[in-house]
Amino acid sequence: MSILVTGARGAVARGLVDLLAARGIPYRLGSRERGTPDAVHCDLGDPATHPDALAGIRSVFLYAEASGIEAFVKEAVAAGVEHVVLLSSSSVLAPDAADSPLSASHLVVEQTLSASPLRTTLLRPGSFASNARGWAWSLRSGRPVRLPYPGAYGDPVHEADLAEAAFAVLTDPALAGRAYTLTGPQALTFAAQLSILGDVLGRSIPFEAVSAGEWKAEVDGYVPGPYADALLEYWASTDGLPVEITGAVEQLTGHPARTFRTWAEDHADVFA
């Protein structure tokens, strides 16, 4: 059984192919960027790239790209694909998911897959621990991290846990065909994450609370306006309110979810 792993440049995909390779499981890496080493050209938004990528494939690890999902599903069915594992988002569980830039594309892909004959497993992570990389510039420059909601809670999950969860559902049929909401082991505020990161780096990391408008102006040109508004709305909704933590990572991997401290230790060089 060969597995197509899309999103070759993503940390979850890279972790997944390392696990597959270590166990001698055949896989094909797909990338939307031409010339990616050891990868076939597979642009999820370009149906012309789908047939070659899917030839001989029985399972797919899929990133959520809505623009070409109907064509991808059609080609996957024609190629004899039996199982798709989608890296979705827990944001699809929100009441306004269909109207939010944070979740709309994930929801469209989920719905298209669910309406198809393909067996589908949904991995719905909350906040990625790797979002902390966004603070690297401030830390390297010695400036305070500017936060509109320092007390907003998240459930940061390590990308290695997501890769292991994907490996589990791809290789154990008993786990497939379900939806899993994946979180880290703790609900942490942004301020708490910075404190942990500072402890790992051996220095204090100052932060400055700014207004929503100030933050949006600062990220203009980097974060599209509607997406920035959606982020601000979400952070406001979790300001002072811990998010729910699940045990899905341990259920799938057999070990507790890695902590944010572990992520910070694994990626300390990013902030040097």
C-alpha atoms as a PDB file:
ATOM      1  CA  MET A   1       0.000   0.000   0.000  1.00  0.00           C
ATOM      2  CA  SER A   2       1.470   3.316  -1.069  1.00  0.00           C
ATOM      3  CA  ILE A   3       0.624   6.589   0.688  1.00  0.00           C
ATOM      4  CA  LEU A   4       0.577  10.036  -0.906  1.00  0.00           C
ATOM      5  CA  VAL A   5       1.712  12.699   1.565  1.00  0.00           C
ATOM      6  CA  THR A   6       0.775  16.190   0.362  1.00  0.00           C
ATOM      7  CA  GLY A   7       2.239  19.448   1.637  1.00  0.00           C
ATOM      8  CA  ALA A   8       5.886  18.432   1.322  1.00  0.00           C
ATOM      9  CA  ARG A   9       7.171  21.641   2.881  1.00  0.00           C
ATOM     10  CA  GLY A  10       4.923  21.419   5.928  1.00  0.00           C
ATOM     11  CA  ALA A  11       6.322  20.312   9.275  1.00  0.00           C
ATOM     12  CA  VAL A  12       3.596  17.712   9.785  1.00  0.00           C
ATOM     13  CA  ALA A  13       4.175  16.162   6.358  1.00  0.00           C
ATOM     14  CA  ARG A  14       7.933  16.073   6.919  1.00  0.00           C
ATOM     15  CA  GLY A  15       7.471  14.377  10.266  1.00  0.00           C
ATOM     16  CA  LEU A  16       5.054  11.875   8.761  1.00  0.00           C
ATOM     17  CA  VAL A  17       7.363  10.813   5.924  1.00  0.00           C
ATOM     18  CA  ASP A  18      10.190  10.316   8.437  1.00  0.00           C
ATOM     19  CA  LEU A  19       7.959   7.901  10.352  1.00  0.00           C
ATOM     20  CA  LEU A  20       6.906   6.073   7.189  1.00  0.00           C
ATOM     21  CA  ALA A  21      10.477   5.797   5.938  1.00  0.00           C
ATOM     22  CA  ALA A  22      11.734   4.501   9.291  1.00  0.00           C
ATOM     23  CA  ARG A  23       9.245   1.655   9.105  1.00  0.00           C
ATOM     24  CA  GLY A  24       9.757   0.885   5.426  1.00  0.00           C
ATOM     25  CA  ILE A  25       6.230   1.906   4.401  1.00  0.00           C
ATOM     26  CA  PRO A  26       6.047   3.029   0.746  1.00  0.00           C
ATOM     27  CA  TYR A  27       5.047   6.648   0.263  1.00  0.00           C
ATOM     28  CA  ARG A  28       5.073   9.396  -2.321  1.00  0.00           C
ATOM     29  CA  LEU A  29       5.699  12.988  -1.293  1.00  0.00           C
ATOM     30  CA  GLY A  30       3.666  15.651  -3.083  1.00  0.00           C
ATOM     31  CA  SER A  31       4.482  19.347  -3.341  1.00  0.00           C
ATOM     32  CA  ARG A  32       2.810  22.254  -5.101  1.00  0.00           C
ATOM     33  CA  GLU A  33       6.273  23.715  -5.710  1.00  0.00           C
ATOM     34  CA  ARG A  34       7.979  22.352  -8.804  1.00  0.00           C
ATOM     35  CA  GLY A  35      11.432  20.985  -8.190  1.00  0.00           C
ATOM     36  CA  THR A  36      10.923  20.102  -4.524  1.00  0.00           C
ATOM     37  CA  PRO A  37      13.533  17.396  -3.791  1.00  0.00           C
ATOM     38  CA  ASP A  38      12.163  13.835  -3.664  1.00  0.00           C
ATOM     39  CA  ALA A  39       8.620  15.042  -4.359  1.00  0.00           C
ATOM     40  CA  VAL A  40       6.159  14.756  -7.218  1.00  0.00           C
ATOM     41  CA  HIS A  41       4.454  17.911  -8.419  1.00  0.00           C
ATOM     42  CA  CYS A  42       1.016  17.901  -6.759  1.00  0.00           C
ATOM     43  CA  ASP A  43      -0.714  21.264  -6.571  1.00  0.00           C
ATOM     44  CA  LEU A  44      -4.003  20.637  -4.785  1.00  0.00           C
ATOM     45  CA  GLY A  45      -5.494  23.620  -6.587  1.00  0.00           C
ATOM     46  CA  ASP A  46      -4.399  22.396 -10.039  1.00  0.00           C
ATOM     47  CA  PRO A  47      -6.303  19.289 -11.222  1.00  0.00           C
ATOM     48  CA  ALA A  48      -3.778  18.690 -14.004  1.00  0.00           C
ATOM     49  CA  THR A  49      -1.231  17.606 -11.391  1.00  0.00           C
ATOM     50  CA  HIS A  50      -3.496  15.110  -9.643  1.00  0.00           C
ATOM     51  CA  PRO A  51      -3.425  12.018 -11.916  1.00  0.00           C
ATOM     52  CA  ASP A  52       0.336  11.416 -11.772  1.00  0.00           C
ATOM     53  CA  ALA A  53       0.429  12.098  -8.028  1.00  0.00           C
ATOM     54  CA  LEU A  54      -2.402   9.641  -7.331  1.00  0.00           C
ATOM     55  CA  ALA A  55      -1.399   6.784  -9.640  1.00  0.00           C
ATOM     56  CA  GLY A  56      -0.996   3.600  -7.591  1.00  0.00           C
ATOM     57  CA  ILE A  57      -1.941   5.320  -4.336  1.00  0.00           C
ATOM     58  CA  ARG A  58      -4.264   3.729  -1.782  1.00  0.00           C
ATOM     59  CA  SER A  59      -4.135   6.277   1.075  1.00  0.00           C
ATOM     60  CA  VAL A  60      -3.639  10.051   1.145  1.00  0.00           C
ATOM     61  CA  PHE A  61      -2.522  12.489   3.824  1.00  0.00           C
ATOM     62  CA  LEU A  62      -4.219  15.657   2.652  1.00  0.00           C
ATOM     63  CA  TYR A  63      -3.827  19.321   3.483  1.00  0.00           C
ATOM     64  CA  ALA A  64      -7.042  21.326   3.342  1.00  0.00           C
ATOM     65  CA  GLU A  65      -7.052  23.186   0.012  1.00  0.00           C
ATOM     66  CA  ALA A  66     -10.621  23.956  -1.005  1.00  0.00           C
ATOM     67  CA  SER A  67     -10.069  25.348  -4.499  1.00  0.00           C
ATOM     68  CA  GLY A  68      -9.472  21.991  -6.182  1.00  0.00           C
ATOM     69  CA  ILE A  69     -10.995  19.541  -3.744  1.00  0.00           C
ATOM     70  CA  GLU A  70     -13.843  18.314  -5.972  1.00  0.00           C
ATOM     71  CA  ALA A  71     -11.423  17.501  -8.794  1.00  0.00           C
ATOM     72  CA  PHE A  72      -9.005  15.870  -6.371  1.00  0.00           C
ATOM     73  CA  VAL A  73     -11.724  13.649  -4.908  1.00  0.00           C
ATOM     74  CA  LYS A  74     -12.923  12.654  -8.381  1.00  0.00           C
ATOM     75  CA  GLU A  75      -9.405  11.687  -9.436  1.00  0.00           C
ATOM     76  CA  ALA A  76      -8.740   9.882  -6.142  1.00  0.00           C
ATOM     77  CA  VAL A  77     -11.838   7.733  -6.592  1.00  0.00           C
ATOM     78  CA  ALA A  78     -10.854   6.954 -10.184  1.00  0.00           C
ATOM     79  CA  ALA A  79      -7.326   6.012  -9.068  1.00  0.00           C
ATOM     80  CA  GLY A  80      -8.637   3.537  -6.502  1.00  0.00           C
ATOM     81  CA  VAL A  81      -7.763   5.514  -3.381  1.00  0.00           C
ATOM     82  CA  GLU A  82      -9.449   3.970  -0.356  1.00  0.00           C
ATOM     83  CA  HIS A  83      -8.621   6.259   2.576  1.00  0.00           C
ATOM     84  CA  VAL A  84      -7.983   9.970   3.024  1.00  0.00           C
ATOM     85  CA  VAL A  85      -6.609  11.491   6.232  1.00  0.00           C
ATOM     86  CA  LEU A  86      -7.333  15.211   6.268  1.00  0.00           C
ATOM     87  CA  LEU A  87      -5.358  17.714   8.315  1.00  0.00           C
ATOM     88  CA  SER A  88      -8.291  19.951   9.142  1.00  0.00           C
ATOM     89  CA  SER A  89      -8.849  22.339  12.074  1.00  0.00           C
ATOM     90  CA  SER A  90     -10.891  22.374  15.250  1.00  0.00           C
ATOM     91  CA  SER A  91     -12.196  25.753  14.082  1.00  0.00           C
ATOM     92  CA  VAL A  92     -14.730  23.848  11.932  1.00  0.00           C
ATOM     93  CA  LEU A  93     -16.601  23.069  15.152  1.00  0.00           C
ATOM     94  CA  ALA A  94     -17.492  26.727  15.719  1.00  0.00           C
ATOM     95  CA  PRO A  95     -21.100  27.777  15.008  1.00  0.00           C
ATOM     96  CA  ASP A  96     -19.964  30.315  12.396  1.00  0.00           C
ATOM     97  CA  ALA A  97     -17.408  28.010  10.752  1.00  0.00           C
ATOM     98  CA  ALA A  98     -18.847  28.396   7.256  1.00  0.00           C
ATOM     99  CA  ASP A  99     -18.424  32.177   7.388  1.00  0.00           C
ATOM    100  CA  SER A 100     -15.032  32.435   9.072  1.00  0.00           C
ATOM    101  CA  PRO A 101     -11.748  32.750   7.144  1.00  0.00           C
ATOM    102  CA  LEU A 102     -10.174  30.571   9.848  1.00  0.00           C
ATOM    103  CA  SER A 103     -12.354  27.582   9.074  1.00  0.00           C
ATOM    104  CA  ALA A 104     -14.330  27.966   5.847  1.00  0.00           C
ATOM    105  CA  SER A 105     -11.847  26.194   3.553  1.00  0.00           C
ATOM    106  CA  HIS A 106     -11.336  23.356   6.027  1.00  0.00           C
ATOM    107  CA  LEU A 107     -15.081  22.910   6.314  1.00  0.00           C
ATOM    108  CA  VAL A 108     -15.556  22.798   2.535  1.00  0.00           C
ATOM    109  CA  VAL A 109     -12.905  20.089   2.221  1.00  0.00           C
ATOM    110  CA  GLU A 110     -14.404  18.098   5.096  1.00  0.00           C
ATOM    111  CA  GLN A 111     -17.886  18.272   3.575  1.00  0.00           C
ATOM    112  CA  THR A 112     -16.662  17.285   0.109  1.00  0.00           C
ATOM    113  CA  LEU A 113     -14.775  14.291   1.449  1.00  0.00           C
ATOM    114  CA  SER A 114     -17.690  13.231   3.651  1.00  0.00           C
ATOM    115  CA  ALA A 115     -20.011  13.249   0.635  1.00  0.00           C
ATOM    116  CA  SER A 116     -17.612  11.062  -1.371  1.00  0.00           C
ATOM    117  CA  PRO A 117     -17.182   7.262  -1.302  1.00  0.00           C
ATOM    118  CA  LEU A 118     -13.696   7.694   0.186  1.00  0.00           C
ATOM    119  CA  ARG A 119     -13.169   6.555   3.748  1.00  0.00           C
ATOM    120  CA  THR A 120     -12.178   9.743   5.539  1.00  0.00           C
ATOM    121  CA  THR A 121     -10.407  10.409   8.819  1.00  0.00           C
ATOM    122  CA  LEU A 122     -10.458  13.970  10.123  1.00  0.00           C
ATOM    123  CA  LEU A 123      -7.600  15.313  12.228  1.00  0.00           C
ATOM    124  CA  ARG A 124      -8.695  18.602  13.801  1.00  0.00           C
ATOM    125  CA  PRO A 125      -5.830  20.288  15.649  1.00  0.00           C
ATOM    126  CA  GLY A 126      -6.387  23.419  17.669  1.00  0.00           C
ATOM    127  CA  SER A 127      -3.557  25.944  17.831  1.00  0.00           C
ATOM    128  CA  PHE A 128      -0.160  24.868  16.540  1.00  0.00           C
ATOM    129  CA  ALA A 129       2.699  25.351  18.996  1.00  0.00           C
ATOM    130  CA  SER A 130       4.689  26.503  15.972  1.00  0.00           C
ATOM    131  CA  ASN A 131       2.595  29.690  15.828  1.00  0.00           C
ATOM    132  CA  ALA A 132       5.096  30.922  18.418  1.00  0.00           C
ATOM    133  CA  ARG A 133       7.576  31.296  15.565  1.00  0.00           C
ATOM    134  CA  GLY A 134       5.775  34.554  14.847  1.00  0.00           C
ATOM    135  CA  TRP A 135       7.472  36.046  17.895  1.00  0.00           C
ATOM    136  CA  ALA A 136      10.984  35.245  16.689  1.00  0.00           C
ATOM    137  CA  TRP A 137      11.638  38.636  15.086  1.00  0.00           C
ATOM    138  CA  SER A 138      10.737  40.506  18.256  1.00  0.00           C
ATOM    139  CA  LEU A 139      12.875  38.209  20.380  1.00  0.00           C
ATOM    140  CA  ARG A 140      15.898  38.508  18.099  1.00  0.00           C
ATOM    141  CA  SER A 141      15.564  42.280  17.923  1.00  0.00           C
ATOM    142  CA  GLY A 142      15.137  42.674  21.671  1.00  0.00           C
ATOM    143  CA  ARG A 143      11.753  44.347  21.357  1.00  0.00           C
ATOM    144  CA  PRO A 144       8.700  43.450  23.423  1.00  0.00           C
ATOM    145  CA  VAL A 145       6.228  41.067  21.809  1.00  0.00           C
ATOM    146  CA  ARG A 146       3.083  43.060  21.097  1.00  0.00           C
ATOM    147  CA  LEU A 147      -0.108  41.174  21.931  1.00  0.00           C
ATOM    148  CA  PRO A 148      -3.713  42.352  21.603  1.00  0.00           C
ATOM    149  CA  TYR A 149      -4.927  39.680  24.063  1.00  0.00           C
ATOM    150  CA  PRO A 150      -2.071  38.447  26.304  1.00  0.00           C
ATOM    151  CA  GLY A 151      -4.593  36.513  28.392  1.00  0.00           C
ATOM    152  CA  ALA A 152      -6.139  34.640  25.442  1.00  0.00           C
ATOM    153  CA  TYR A 153      -5.881  30.879  25.856  1.00  0.00           C
ATOM    154  CA  GLY A 154      -4.785  28.336  23.277  1.00  0.00           C
ATOM    155  CA  ASP A 155      -4.135  24.597  23.227  1.00  0.00           C
ATOM    156  CA  PRO A 156      -0.707  24.491  21.528  1.00  0.00           C
ATOM    157  CA  VAL A 157       0.019  21.118  19.970  1.00  0.00           C
ATOM    158  CA  HIS A 158       3.461  19.949  18.818  1.00  0.00           C
ATOM    159  CA  GLU A 159       3.758  19.165  15.107  1.00  0.00           C
ATOM    160  CA  ALA A 160       5.488  15.882  15.996  1.00  0.00           C
ATOM    161  CA  ASP A 161       2.323  14.743  17.763  1.00  0.00           C
ATOM    162  CA  LEU A 162       0.278  15.584  14.677  1.00  0.00           C
ATOM    163  CA  ALA A 163       2.655  13.576  12.498  1.00  0.00           C
ATOM    164  CA  GLU A 164       2.436  10.602  14.863  1.00  0.00           C
ATOM    165  CA  ALA A 165      -1.361  10.863  14.961  1.00  0.00           C
ATOM    166  CA  ALA A 166      -1.479  10.883  11.165  1.00  0.00           C
ATOM    167  CA  PHE A 167       0.835   7.861  11.043  1.00  0.00           C
ATOM    168  CA  ALA A 168      -1.418   5.996  13.479  1.00  0.00           C
ATOM    169  CA  VAL A 169      -4.627   6.488  11.519  1.00  0.00           C
ATOM    170  CA  LEU A 170      -2.919   5.732   8.206  1.00  0.00           C
ATOM    171  CA  THR A 171      -1.494   2.437   9.408  1.00  0.00           C
ATOM    172  CA  ASP A 172      -4.178   1.123  11.780  1.00  0.00           C
ATOM    173  CA  PRO A 173      -7.547   0.539  10.071  1.00  0.00           C
ATOM    174  CA  ALA A 174      -9.272   0.320  13.461  1.00  0.00           C
ATOM    175  CA  LEU A 175      -8.552   4.016  14.033  1.00  0.00           C
ATOM    176  CA  ALA A 176      -9.688   5.241  10.619  1.00  0.00           C
ATOM    177  CA  GLY A 177     -12.980   6.772   9.589  1.00  0.00           C
ATOM    178  CA  ARG A 178     -13.432   9.054  12.601  1.00  0.00           C
ATOM    179  CA  ALA A 179     -12.874  12.680  13.597  1.00  0.00           C
ATOM    180  CA  TYR A 180     -10.266  13.547  16.235  1.00  0.00           C
ATOM    181  CA  THR A 181      -9.823  16.914  17.939  1.00  0.00           C
ATOM    182  CA  LEU A 182      -6.118  17.169  18.763  1.00  0.00           C
ATOM    183  CA  THR A 183      -4.731  19.501  21.417  1.00  0.00           C
ATOM    184  CA  GLY A 184      -1.653  19.919  23.500  1.00  0.00           C
ATOM    185  CA  PRO A 185      -1.740  18.808  27.155  1.00  0.00           C
ATOM    186  CA  GLN A 186      -2.401  22.266  28.617  1.00  0.00           C
ATOM    187  CA  ALA A 187      -4.490  25.345  27.970  1.00  0.00           C
ATOM    188  CA  LEU A 188      -1.994  28.213  28.001  1.00  0.00           C
ATOM    189  CA  THR A 189      -2.331  31.954  27.562  1.00  0.00           C
ATOM    190  CA  PHE A 190      -0.007  33.797  25.209  1.00  0.00           C
ATOM    191  CA  ALA A 191       1.641  35.355  28.267  1.00  0.00           C
ATOM    192  CA  ALA A 192       2.226  31.896  29.761  1.00  0.00           C
ATOM    193  CA  GLN A 193       3.724  30.633  26.513  1.00  0.00           C
ATOM    194  CA  LEU A 194       6.142  33.565  26.455  1.00  0.00           C
ATOM    195  CA  SER A 195       7.100  32.869  30.060  1.00  0.00           C
ATOM    196  CA  ILE A 196       7.849  29.217  29.237  1.00  0.00           C
ATOM    197  CA  LEU A 197       9.777  30.212  26.130  1.00  0.00           C
ATOM    198  CA  GLY A 198      11.806  32.710  28.136  1.00  0.00           C
ATOM    199  CA  ASP A 199      12.597  30.067  30.739  1.00  0.00           C
ATOM    200  CA  VAL A 200      13.843  27.716  28.031  1.00  0.00           C
ATOM    201  CA  LEU A 201      15.940  30.458  26.421  1.00  0.00           C
ATOM    202  CA  GLY A 202      17.298  31.628  29.776  1.00  0.00           C
ATOM    203  CA  ARG A 203      16.101  35.205  29.507  1.00  0.00           C
ATOM    204  CA  SER A 204      13.040  37.257  30.227  1.00  0.00           C
ATOM    205  CA  ILE A 205      10.761  37.945  27.283  1.00  0.00           C
ATOM    206  CA  PRO A 206       8.823  41.169  27.723  1.00  0.00           C
ATOM    207  CA  PHE A 207       5.460  41.716  26.088  1.00  0.00           C
ATOM    208  CA  GLU A 208       3.292  44.746  25.594  1.00  0.00           C
ATOM    209  CA  ALA A 209      -0.493  44.731  25.468  1.00  0.00           C
ATOM    210  CA  VAL A 210      -1.792  46.678  22.470  1.00  0.00           C
ATOM    211  CA  SER A 211      -5.250  47.388  21.171  1.00  0.00           C
ATOM    212  CA  ALA A 212      -6.846  45.233  18.508  1.00  0.00           C
ATOM    213  CA  GLY A 213      -6.645  48.148  16.097  1.00  0.00           C
ATOM    214  CA  GLU A 214      -2.940  48.688  16.752  1.00  0.00           C
ATOM    215  CA  TRP A 215      -2.151  45.034  16.186  1.00  0.00           C
ATOM    216  CA  LYS A 216      -4.186  44.898  12.985  1.00  0.00           C
ATOM    217  CA  ALA A 217      -2.375  47.965  11.632  1.00  0.00           C
ATOM    218  CA  GLU A 218       0.999  46.393  12.440  1.00  0.00           C
ATOM    219  CA  VAL A 219       0.257  43.171  10.558  1.00  0.00           C
ATOM    220  CA  ASP A 220      -1.337  44.897   7.575  1.00  0.00           C
ATOM    221  CA  GLY A 221       0.367  43.572   4.459  1.00  0.00           C
ATOM    222  CA  TYR A 222       1.224  40.287   6.178  1.00  0.00           C
ATOM    223  CA  VAL A 223      -2.156  39.107   7.456  1.00  0.00           C
ATOM    224  CA  PRO A 224      -5.212  39.779   5.235  1.00  0.00           C
ATOM    225  CA  GLY A 225      -7.785  42.029   6.892  1.00  0.00           C
ATOM    226  CA  PRO A 226     -10.633  39.481   7.171  1.00  0.00           C
ATOM    227  CA  TYR A 227      -8.247  36.866   8.568  1.00  0.00           C
ATOM    228  CA  ALA A 228      -6.859  39.361  11.086  1.00  0.00           C
ATOM    229  CA  ASP A 229     -10.395  40.238  12.177  1.00  0.00           C
ATOM    230  CA  ALA A 230     -11.234  36.563  12.633  1.00  0.00           C
ATOM    231  CA  LEU A 231      -8.120  35.987  14.721  1.00  0.00           C
ATOM    232  CA  LEU A 232      -8.911  38.952  16.919  1.00  0.00           C
ATOM    233  CA  GLU A 233     -12.462  37.757  17.396  1.00  0.00           C
ATOM    234  CA  TYR A 234     -11.263  34.295  18.374  1.00  0.00           C
ATOM    235  CA  TRP A 235      -8.635  35.606  20.785  1.00  0.00           C
ATOM    236  CA  ALA A 236     -11.220  37.879  22.393  1.00  0.00           C
ATOM    237  CA  SER A 237     -13.520  34.879  22.902  1.00  0.00           C
ATOM    238  CA  THR A 238     -10.799  32.959  24.784  1.00  0.00           C
ATOM    239  CA  ASP A 239      -9.423  35.917  26.754  1.00  0.00           C
ATOM    240  CA  GLY A 240      -9.352  34.611  30.308  1.00  0.00           C
ATOM    241  CA  LEU A 241     -11.274  31.477  29.309  1.00  0.00           C
ATOM    242  CA  PRO A 242      -9.268  28.224  29.098  1.00  0.00           C
ATOM    243  CA  VAL A 243     -10.031  26.128  26.025  1.00  0.00           C
ATOM    244  CA  GLU A 244     -10.996  22.477  26.319  1.00  0.00           C
ATOM    245  CA  ILE A 245      -8.176  19.929  26.245  1.00  0.00           C
ATOM    246  CA  THR A 246      -8.686  16.475  24.728  1.00  0.00           C
ATOM    247  CA  GLY A 247      -6.874  13.178  25.092  1.00  0.00           C
ATOM    248  CA  ALA A 248      -6.910  12.369  21.376  1.00  0.00           C
ATOM    249  CA  VAL A 249      -3.148  12.619  20.923  1.00  0.00           C
ATOM    250  CA  GLU A 250      -2.557   9.997  23.606  1.00  0.00           C
ATOM    251  CA  GLN A 251      -5.407   7.878  22.226  1.00  0.00           C
ATOM    252  CA  LEU A 252      -3.727   7.748  18.823  1.00  0.00           C
ATOM    253  CA  THR A 253      -0.029   7.776  19.708  1.00  0.00           C
ATOM    254  CA  GLY A 254       0.024   5.900  23.006  1.00  0.00           C
ATOM    255  CA  HIS A 255       1.810   8.707  24.867  1.00  0.00           C
ATOM    256  CA  PRO A 256       0.719  12.031  26.408  1.00  0.00           C
ATOM    257  CA  ALA A 257       0.823  15.039  24.138  1.00  0.00           C
ATOM    258  CA  ARG A 258       4.125  16.885  24.143  1.00  0.00           C
ATOM    259  CA  THR A 259       4.156  20.068  26.207  1.00  0.00           C
ATOM    260  CA  PHE A 260       4.759  23.573  24.897  1.00  0.00           C
ATOM    261  CA  ARG A 261       8.008  23.531  26.883  1.00  0.00           C
ATOM    262  CA  THR A 262       9.115  20.510  24.840  1.00  0.00           C
ATOM    263  CA  TRP A 263       8.279  22.363  21.637  1.00  0.00           C
ATOM    264  CA  ALA A 264      10.260  25.393  22.811  1.00  0.00           C
ATOM    265  CA  GLU A 265      13.258  23.192  23.668  1.00  0.00           C
ATOM    266  CA  ASP A 266      13.051  21.492  20.277  1.00  0.00           C
ATOM    267  CA  HIS A 267      12.993  24.839  18.452  1.00  0.00           C
ATOM    268  CA  ALA A 268      15.124  27.106  20.655  1.00  0.00           C
ATOM    269  CA  ASP A 269      17.431  27.805  17.691  1.00  0.00           C
ATOM    270  CA  VAL A 270      14.579  29.638  15.923  1.00  0.00           C
ATOM    271  CA  PHE A 271      14.762  32.389  18.553  1.00  0.00           C
ATOM    272  CA  ALA A 272      18.536  32.639  18.907  1.00  0.00           C
END
